[in-house]
Amino acid sequence: MAVTSQNNIWKGISTVASLATAVVMKKGLSKGYKNVKDKNPPKKSQPIQSSGGKFAKVLGWTILSGVVISLGKLATEQGLATVWKKVTKQNPPA
């Protein structure tokens, strides 16, 4: 297989897998938040008030969800790289 073709296949597979992981992780986080707090997680479109601790809650949720989604995407990429190496007997394209 040509190098360019392998690059395109790798980029396509890793992009689709990363997007799917992000969607699944976000839904899981939202369900977890709702189970713990009995309300929906903060949304970006909601106005943030600096008083009353609402800003801290939104900021905390943003940081938590960003870290969890990033870790999920990293695990997905590592898993894909392992499978790629087993199937093609080569490291994935950079």
Foldseek 3Di string as FASTA:
>chain_A
DDPVVLQVVLVVVLVVQLVVLLVVLVVVLQVVCCVVVVDGQDDPPDDADPPDCRVVSNVVSVVVSVVRSVVSSVVSSVVVQVVCCVVVVDGRDD
